[in-house]
Amino acid sequence: MKEGVAAARARGRVGGRPRTDQKKLDSALKLYDAQTHSISEICSLTSVSSSVLYRAIRARKKDQQ
């Protein structure tokens, strides 16, 4: 198994799920700050999942403290 992963990395392949687009996440956070839309509306408008949005909100609150 590890040989296959090492061979893939040697070819420039990286495993894992792609990260969420930062522009989409920033716009979702702006909508959240405006308090005009619900979380589900924000998620459907920006194509950001609710778990990613809640994680970003929690991280931002932690950074502010």
PDB file of N, CA and C in Angstrom:
ATOM      1  N   MET A   1       0.825  -1.192   0.000  1.00  0.00           N
ATOM      2  CA  MET A   1       0.000   0.000   0.000  1.00  0.00           C
ATOM      3  C   MET A   1       0.868   1.255   0.000  1.00  0.00           C
ATOM      4  N   LYS A   2       1.871   1.317   0.870  1.00  0.00           N
ATOM      5  CA  LYS A   2       2.697   2.516   0.957  1.00  0.00           C
ATOM      6  C   LYS A   2       3.533   2.712  -0.299  1.00  0.00           C
ATOM      7  N   GLU A   3       3.869   1.630  -0.965  1.00  0.00           N
ATOM      8  CA  GLU A   3       4.638   1.770  -2.201  1.00  0.00           C
ATOM      9  C   GLU A   3       3.801   2.462  -3.265  1.00  0.00           C
ATOM     10  N   GLY A   4       2.519   2.124  -3.312  1.00  0.00           N
ATOM     11  CA  GLY A   4       1.621   2.741  -4.278  1.00  0.00           C
ATOM     12  C   GLY A   4       1.430   4.222  -4.008  1.00  0.00           C
ATOM     13  N   VAL A   5       1.302   4.591  -2.736  1.00  0.00           N
ATOM     14  CA  VAL A   5       1.145   5.999  -2.364  1.00  0.00           C
ATOM     15  C   VAL A   5       2.425   6.757  -2.705  1.00  0.00           C
ATOM     16  N   ALA A   6       3.571   6.157  -2.420  1.00  0.00           N
ATOM     17  CA  ALA A   6       4.841   6.800  -2.725  1.00  0.00           C
ATOM     18  C   ALA A   6       5.011   6.970  -4.229  1.00  0.00           C
ATOM     19  N   ALA A   7       4.588   5.982  -4.998  1.00  0.00           N
ATOM     20  CA  ALA A   7       4.694   6.086  -6.456  1.00  0.00           C
ATOM     21  C   ALA A   7       3.768   7.175  -6.987  1.00  0.00           C
ATOM     22  N   ALA A   8       2.579   7.275  -6.424  1.00  0.00           N
ATOM     23  CA  ALA A   8       1.638   8.313  -6.862  1.00  0.00           C
ATOM     24  C   ALA A   8       2.182   9.697  -6.532  1.00  0.00           C
ATOM     25  N   ARG A   9       2.747   9.854  -5.353  1.00  0.00           N
ATOM     26  CA  ARG A   9       3.318  11.157  -4.978  1.00  0.00           C
ATOM     27  C   ARG A   9       4.510  11.501  -5.857  1.00  0.00           C
ATOM     28  N   ALA A  10       5.262  10.508  -6.258  1.00  0.00           N
ATOM     29  CA  ALA A  10       6.396  10.757  -7.156  1.00  0.00           C
ATOM     30  C   ALA A  10       5.909  11.260  -8.508  1.00  0.00           C
ATOM     31  N   ARG A  11       4.696  10.853  -8.898  1.00  0.00           N
ATOM     32  CA  ARG A  11       4.110  11.325 -10.152  1.00  0.00           C
ATOM     33  C   ARG A  11       3.384  12.656  -9.979  1.00  0.00           C
ATOM     34  N   GLY A  12       3.387  13.201  -8.751  1.00  0.00           N
ATOM     35  CA  GLY A  12       2.747  14.483  -8.522  1.00  0.00           C
ATOM     36  C   GLY A  12       1.308  14.395  -8.064  1.00  0.00           C
ATOM     37  N   ARG A  13       0.853  13.209  -7.733  1.00  0.00           N
ATOM     38  CA  ARG A  13      -0.530  13.028  -7.269  1.00  0.00           C
ATOM     39  C   ARG A  13      -0.578  13.237  -5.762  1.00  0.00           C
ATOM     40  N   VAL A  14      -1.615  13.918  -5.314  1.00  0.00           N
ATOM     41  CA  VAL A  14      -1.811  14.123  -3.882  1.00  0.00           C
ATOM     42  C   VAL A  14      -3.197  13.596  -3.538  1.00  0.00           C
ATOM     43  N   GLY A  15      -3.288  12.823  -2.490  1.00  0.00           N
ATOM     44  CA  GLY A  15      -4.561  12.237  -2.101  1.00  0.00           C
ATOM     45  C   GLY A  15      -5.396  13.196  -1.279  1.00  0.00           C
ATOM     46  N   GLY A  16      -6.621  12.811  -1.021  1.00  0.00           N
ATOM     47  CA  GLY A  16      -7.494  13.590  -0.158  1.00  0.00           C
ATOM     48  C   GLY A  16      -8.548  14.357  -0.924  1.00  0.00           C
ATOM     49  N   ARG A  17      -9.438  14.938  -0.161  1.00  0.00           N
ATOM     50  CA  ARG A  17     -10.545  15.709  -0.719  1.00  0.00           C
ATOM     51  C   ARG A  17     -10.066  17.119  -1.036  1.00  0.00           C
ATOM     52  N   PRO A  18     -10.525  17.693  -2.152  1.00  0.00           N
ATOM     53  CA  PRO A  18     -10.122  19.068  -2.481  1.00  0.00           C
ATOM     54  C   PRO A  18     -10.661  20.057  -1.446  1.00  0.00           C
ATOM     55  N   ARG A  19      -9.897  21.096  -1.179  1.00  0.00           N
ATOM     56  CA  ARG A  19     -10.305  22.118  -0.223  1.00  0.00           C
ATOM     57  C   ARG A  19     -11.416  22.976  -0.811  1.00  0.00           C
ATOM     58  N   THR A  20     -12.200  23.592   0.066  1.00  0.00           N
ATOM     59  CA  THR A  20     -13.274  24.483  -0.353  1.00  0.00           C
ATOM     60  C   THR A  20     -12.675  25.767  -0.905  1.00  0.00           C
ATOM     61  N   ASP A  21     -13.275  26.284  -1.963  1.00  0.00           N
ATOM     62  CA  ASP A  21     -12.820  27.516  -2.577  1.00  0.00           C
ATOM     63  C   ASP A  21     -12.915  28.657  -1.557  1.00  0.00           C
ATOM     64  N   GLN A  22     -11.815  29.374  -1.348  1.00  0.00           N
ATOM     65  CA  GLN A  22     -11.772  30.409  -0.328  1.00  0.00           C
ATOM     66  C   GLN A  22     -12.708  31.577  -0.651  1.00  0.00           C
ATOM     67  N   LYS A  23     -12.885  31.883  -1.931  1.00  0.00           N
ATOM     68  CA  LYS A  23     -13.794  32.968  -2.314  1.00  0.00           C
ATOM     69  C   LYS A  23     -15.236  32.630  -1.941  1.00  0.00           C
ATOM     70  N   LYS A  24     -15.630  31.387  -2.162  1.00  0.00           N
ATOM     71  CA  LYS A  24     -16.976  30.951  -1.795  1.00  0.00           C
ATOM     72  C   LYS A  24     -17.166  31.008  -0.281  1.00  0.00           C
ATOM     73  N   LEU A  25     -16.141  30.593   0.453  1.00  0.00           N
ATOM     74  CA  LEU A  25     -16.218  30.608   1.903  1.00  0.00           C
ATOM     75  C   LEU A  25     -16.279  32.037   2.432  1.00  0.00           C
ATOM     76  N   ASP A  26     -15.514  32.944   1.841  1.00  0.00           N
ATOM     77  CA  ASP A  26     -15.550  34.349   2.256  1.00  0.00           C
ATOM     78  C   ASP A  26     -16.920  34.971   2.013  1.00  0.00           C
ATOM     79  N   SER A  27     -17.520  34.668   0.869  1.00  0.00           N
ATOM     80  CA  SER A  27     -18.849  35.214   0.597  1.00  0.00           C
ATOM     81  C   SER A  27     -19.886  34.607   1.536  1.00  0.00           C
ATOM     82  N   ALA A  28     -19.731  33.340   1.892  1.00  0.00           N
ATOM     83  CA  ALA A  28     -20.648  32.706   2.837  1.00  0.00           C
ATOM     84  C   ALA A  28     -20.524  33.357   4.214  1.00  0.00           C
ATOM     85  N   LEU A  29     -19.306  33.675   4.629  1.00  0.00           N
ATOM     86  CA  LEU A  29     -19.110  34.330   5.915  1.00  0.00           C
ATOM     87  C   LEU A  29     -19.677  35.746   5.920  1.00  0.00           C
ATOM     88  N   LYS A  30     -19.592  36.440   4.794  1.00  0.00           N
ATOM     89  CA  LYS A  30     -20.178  37.782   4.694  1.00  0.00           C
ATOM     90  C   LYS A  30     -21.697  37.708   4.814  1.00  0.00           C
ATOM     91  N   LEU A  31     -22.301  36.723   4.171  1.00  0.00           N
ATOM     92  CA  LEU A  31     -23.746  36.544   4.280  1.00  0.00           C
ATOM     93  C   LEU A  31     -24.140  36.188   5.713  1.00  0.00           C
ATOM     94  N   TYR A  32     -23.313  35.390   6.378  1.00  0.00           N
ATOM     95  CA  TYR A  32     -23.585  35.028   7.764  1.00  0.00           C
ATOM     96  C   TYR A  32     -23.516  36.261   8.660  1.00  0.00           C
ATOM     97  N   ASP A  33     -22.517  37.118   8.423  1.00  0.00           N
ATOM     98  CA  ASP A  33     -22.362  38.326   9.222  1.00  0.00           C
ATOM     99  C   ASP A  33     -23.517  39.303   9.010  1.00  0.00           C
ATOM    100  N   ALA A  34     -24.072  39.316   7.807  1.00  0.00           N
ATOM    101  CA  ALA A  34     -25.184  40.222   7.511  1.00  0.00           C
ATOM    102  C   ALA A  34     -26.461  39.810   8.239  1.00  0.00           C
ATOM    103  N   GLN A  35     -26.567  38.574   8.650  1.00  0.00           N
ATOM    104  CA  GLN A  35     -27.713  38.027   9.373  1.00  0.00           C
ATOM    105  C   GLN A  35     -29.031  38.219   8.615  1.00  0.00           C
ATOM    106  N   THR A  36     -28.965  38.090   7.300  1.00  0.00           N
ATOM    107  CA  THR A  36     -30.169  38.210   6.483  1.00  0.00           C
ATOM    108  C   THR A  36     -30.639  36.869   5.952  1.00  0.00           C
ATOM    109  N   HIS A  37     -29.757  35.849   5.998  1.00  0.00           N
ATOM    110  CA  HIS A  37     -30.097  34.534   5.458  1.00  0.00           C
ATOM    111  C   HIS A  37     -29.843  33.470   6.522  1.00  0.00           C
ATOM    112  N   SER A  38     -30.559  32.372   6.397  1.00  0.00           N
ATOM    113  CA  SER A  38     -30.312  31.242   7.284  1.00  0.00           C
ATOM    114  C   SER A  38     -29.075  30.477   6.788  1.00  0.00           C
ATOM    115  N   ILE A  39     -28.594  29.593   7.633  1.00  0.00           N
ATOM    116  CA  ILE A  39     -27.417  28.793   7.265  1.00  0.00           C
ATOM    117  C   ILE A  39     -27.710  27.957   6.025  1.00  0.00           C
ATOM    118  N   SER A  40     -28.889  27.352   5.966  1.00  0.00           N
ATOM    119  CA  SER A  40     -29.212  26.510   4.806  1.00  0.00           C
ATOM    120  C   SER A  40     -29.302  27.346   3.533  1.00  0.00           C
ATOM    121  N   GLU A  41     -29.822  28.567   3.630  1.00  0.00           N
ATOM    122  CA  GLU A  41     -29.872  29.440   2.451  1.00  0.00           C
ATOM    123  C   GLU A  41     -28.466  29.836   2.011  1.00  0.00           C
ATOM    124  N   ILE A  42     -27.619  30.159   2.969  1.00  0.00           N
ATOM    125  CA  ILE A  42     -26.235  30.527   2.648  1.00  0.00           C
ATOM    126  C   ILE A  42     -25.529  29.368   1.959  1.00  0.00           C
ATOM    127  N   CYS A  43     -25.744  28.167   2.469  1.00  0.00           N
ATOM    128  CA  CYS A  43     -25.087  26.988   1.895  1.00  0.00           C
ATOM    129  C   CYS A  43     -25.557  26.726   0.471  1.00  0.00           C
ATOM    130  N   SER A  44     -26.838  26.896   0.221  1.00  0.00           N
ATOM    131  CA  SER A  44     -27.332  26.652  -1.136  1.00  0.00           C
ATOM    132  C   SER A  44     -26.924  27.774  -2.092  1.00  0.00           C
ATOM    133  N   LEU A  45     -26.811  28.995  -1.596  1.00  0.00           N
ATOM    134  CA  LEU A  45     -26.393  30.111  -2.453  1.00  0.00           C
ATOM    135  C   LEU A  45     -24.920  30.032  -2.825  1.00  0.00           C
ATOM    136  N   THR A  46     -24.081  29.627  -1.892  1.00  0.00           N
ATOM    137  CA  THR A  46     -22.630  29.673  -2.111  1.00  0.00           C
ATOM    138  C   THR A  46     -22.010  28.315  -2.418  1.00  0.00           C
ATOM    139  N   SER A  47     -22.773  27.257  -2.352  1.00  0.00           N
ATOM    140  CA  SER A  47     -22.261  25.894  -2.584  1.00  0.00           C
ATOM    141  C   SER A  47     -21.185  25.504  -1.568  1.00  0.00           C
ATOM    142  N   VAL A  48     -21.348  25.981  -0.344  1.00  0.00           N
ATOM    143  CA  VAL A  48     -20.466  25.612   0.759  1.00  0.00           C
ATOM    144  C   VAL A  48     -21.288  24.750   1.708  1.00  0.00           C
ATOM    145  N   SER A  49     -20.735  23.639   2.152  1.00  0.00           N
ATOM    146  CA  SER A  49     -21.499  22.764   3.039  1.00  0.00           C
ATOM    147  C   SER A  49     -21.624  23.401   4.417  1.00  0.00           C
ATOM    148  N   SER A  50     -22.657  22.993   5.132  1.00  0.00           N
ATOM    149  CA  SER A  50     -22.900  23.583   6.448  1.00  0.00           C
ATOM    150  C   SER A  50     -21.775  23.245   7.424  1.00  0.00           C
ATOM    151  N   SER A  51     -21.206  22.061   7.311  1.00  0.00           N
ATOM    152  CA  SER A  51     -20.114  21.700   8.223  1.00  0.00           C
ATOM    153  C   SER A  51     -18.890  22.578   7.991  1.00  0.00           C
ATOM    154  N   VAL A  52     -18.587  22.889   6.742  1.00  0.00           N
ATOM    155  CA  VAL A  52     -17.454  23.762   6.432  1.00  0.00           C
ATOM    156  C   VAL A  52     -17.736  25.176   6.936  1.00  0.00           C
ATOM    157  N   LEU A  53     -18.974  25.636   6.768  1.00  0.00           N
ATOM    158  CA  LEU A  53     -19.331  26.974   7.217  1.00  0.00           C
ATOM    159  C   LEU A  53     -19.253  27.076   8.741  1.00  0.00           C
ATOM    160  N   TYR A  54     -19.805  26.111   9.438  1.00  0.00           N
ATOM    161  CA  TYR A  54     -19.732  26.132  10.900  1.00  0.00           C
ATOM    162  C   TYR A  54     -18.282  26.046  11.383  1.00  0.00           C
ATOM    163  N   ARG A  55     -17.454  25.258  10.712  1.00  0.00           N
ATOM    164  CA  ARG A  55     -16.046  25.138  11.084  1.00  0.00           C
ATOM    165  C   ARG A  55     -15.328  26.475  10.909  1.00  0.00           C
ATOM    166  N   ALA A  56     -15.631  27.187   9.824  1.00  0.00           N
ATOM    167  CA  ALA A  56     -15.010  28.488   9.577  1.00  0.00           C
ATOM    168  C   ALA A  56     -15.470  29.525  10.599  1.00  0.00           C
ATOM    169  N   ILE A  57     -16.754  29.476  10.961  1.00  0.00           N
ATOM    170  CA  ILE A  57     -17.282  30.399  11.970  1.00  0.00           C
ATOM    171  C   ILE A  57     -16.602  30.148  13.313  1.00  0.00           C
ATOM    172  N   ARG A  58     -16.478  28.877  13.676  1.00  0.00           N
ATOM    173  CA  ARG A  58     -15.835  28.513  14.943  1.00  0.00           C
ATOM    174  C   ARG A  58     -14.367  28.922  14.955  1.00  0.00           C
ATOM    175  N   ALA A  59     -13.672  28.719  13.842  1.00  0.00           N
ATOM    176  CA  ALA A  59     -12.257  29.084  13.759  1.00  0.00           C
ATOM    177  C   ALA A  59     -12.078  30.595  13.837  1.00  0.00           C
ATOM    178  N   ARG A  60     -12.979  31.323  13.221  1.00  0.00           N
ATOM    179  CA  ARG A  60     -12.885  32.782  13.248  1.00  0.00           C
ATOM    180  C   ARG A  60     -13.127  33.314  14.660  1.00  0.00           C
ATOM    181  N   LYS A  61     -14.096  32.727  15.374  1.00  0.00           N
ATOM    182  CA  LYS A  61     -14.352  33.144  16.743  1.00  0.00           C
ATOM    183  C   LYS A  61     -13.158  32.829  17.638  1.00  0.00           C
ATOM    184  N   LYS A  62     -12.524  31.686  17.403  1.00  0.00           N
ATOM    185  CA  LYS A  62     -11.357  31.293  18.197  1.00  0.00           C
ATOM    186  C   LYS A  62     -10.193  32.248  17.942  1.00  0.00           C
ATOM    187  N   ASP A  63     -10.025  32.690  16.693  1.00  0.00           N
ATOM    188  CA  ASP A  63      -8.943  33.622  16.363  1.00  0.00           C
ATOM    189  C   ASP A  63      -9.172  34.998  16.979  1.00  0.00           C
ATOM    190  N   GLN A  64     -10.425  35.403  17.125  1.00  0.00           N
ATOM    191  CA  GLN A  64     -10.734  36.711  17.677  1.00  0.00           C
ATOM    192  C   GLN A  64     -10.512  36.779  19.178  1.00  0.00           C
ATOM    193  N   GLN A  65     -10.530  35.642  19.847  1.00  0.00           N
ATOM    194  CA  GLN A  65     -10.368  35.637  21.306  1.00  0.00           C
ATOM    195  C   GLN A  65      -8.944  35.730  21.722  1.00  0.00           C
TER     196      GLN A  65
END
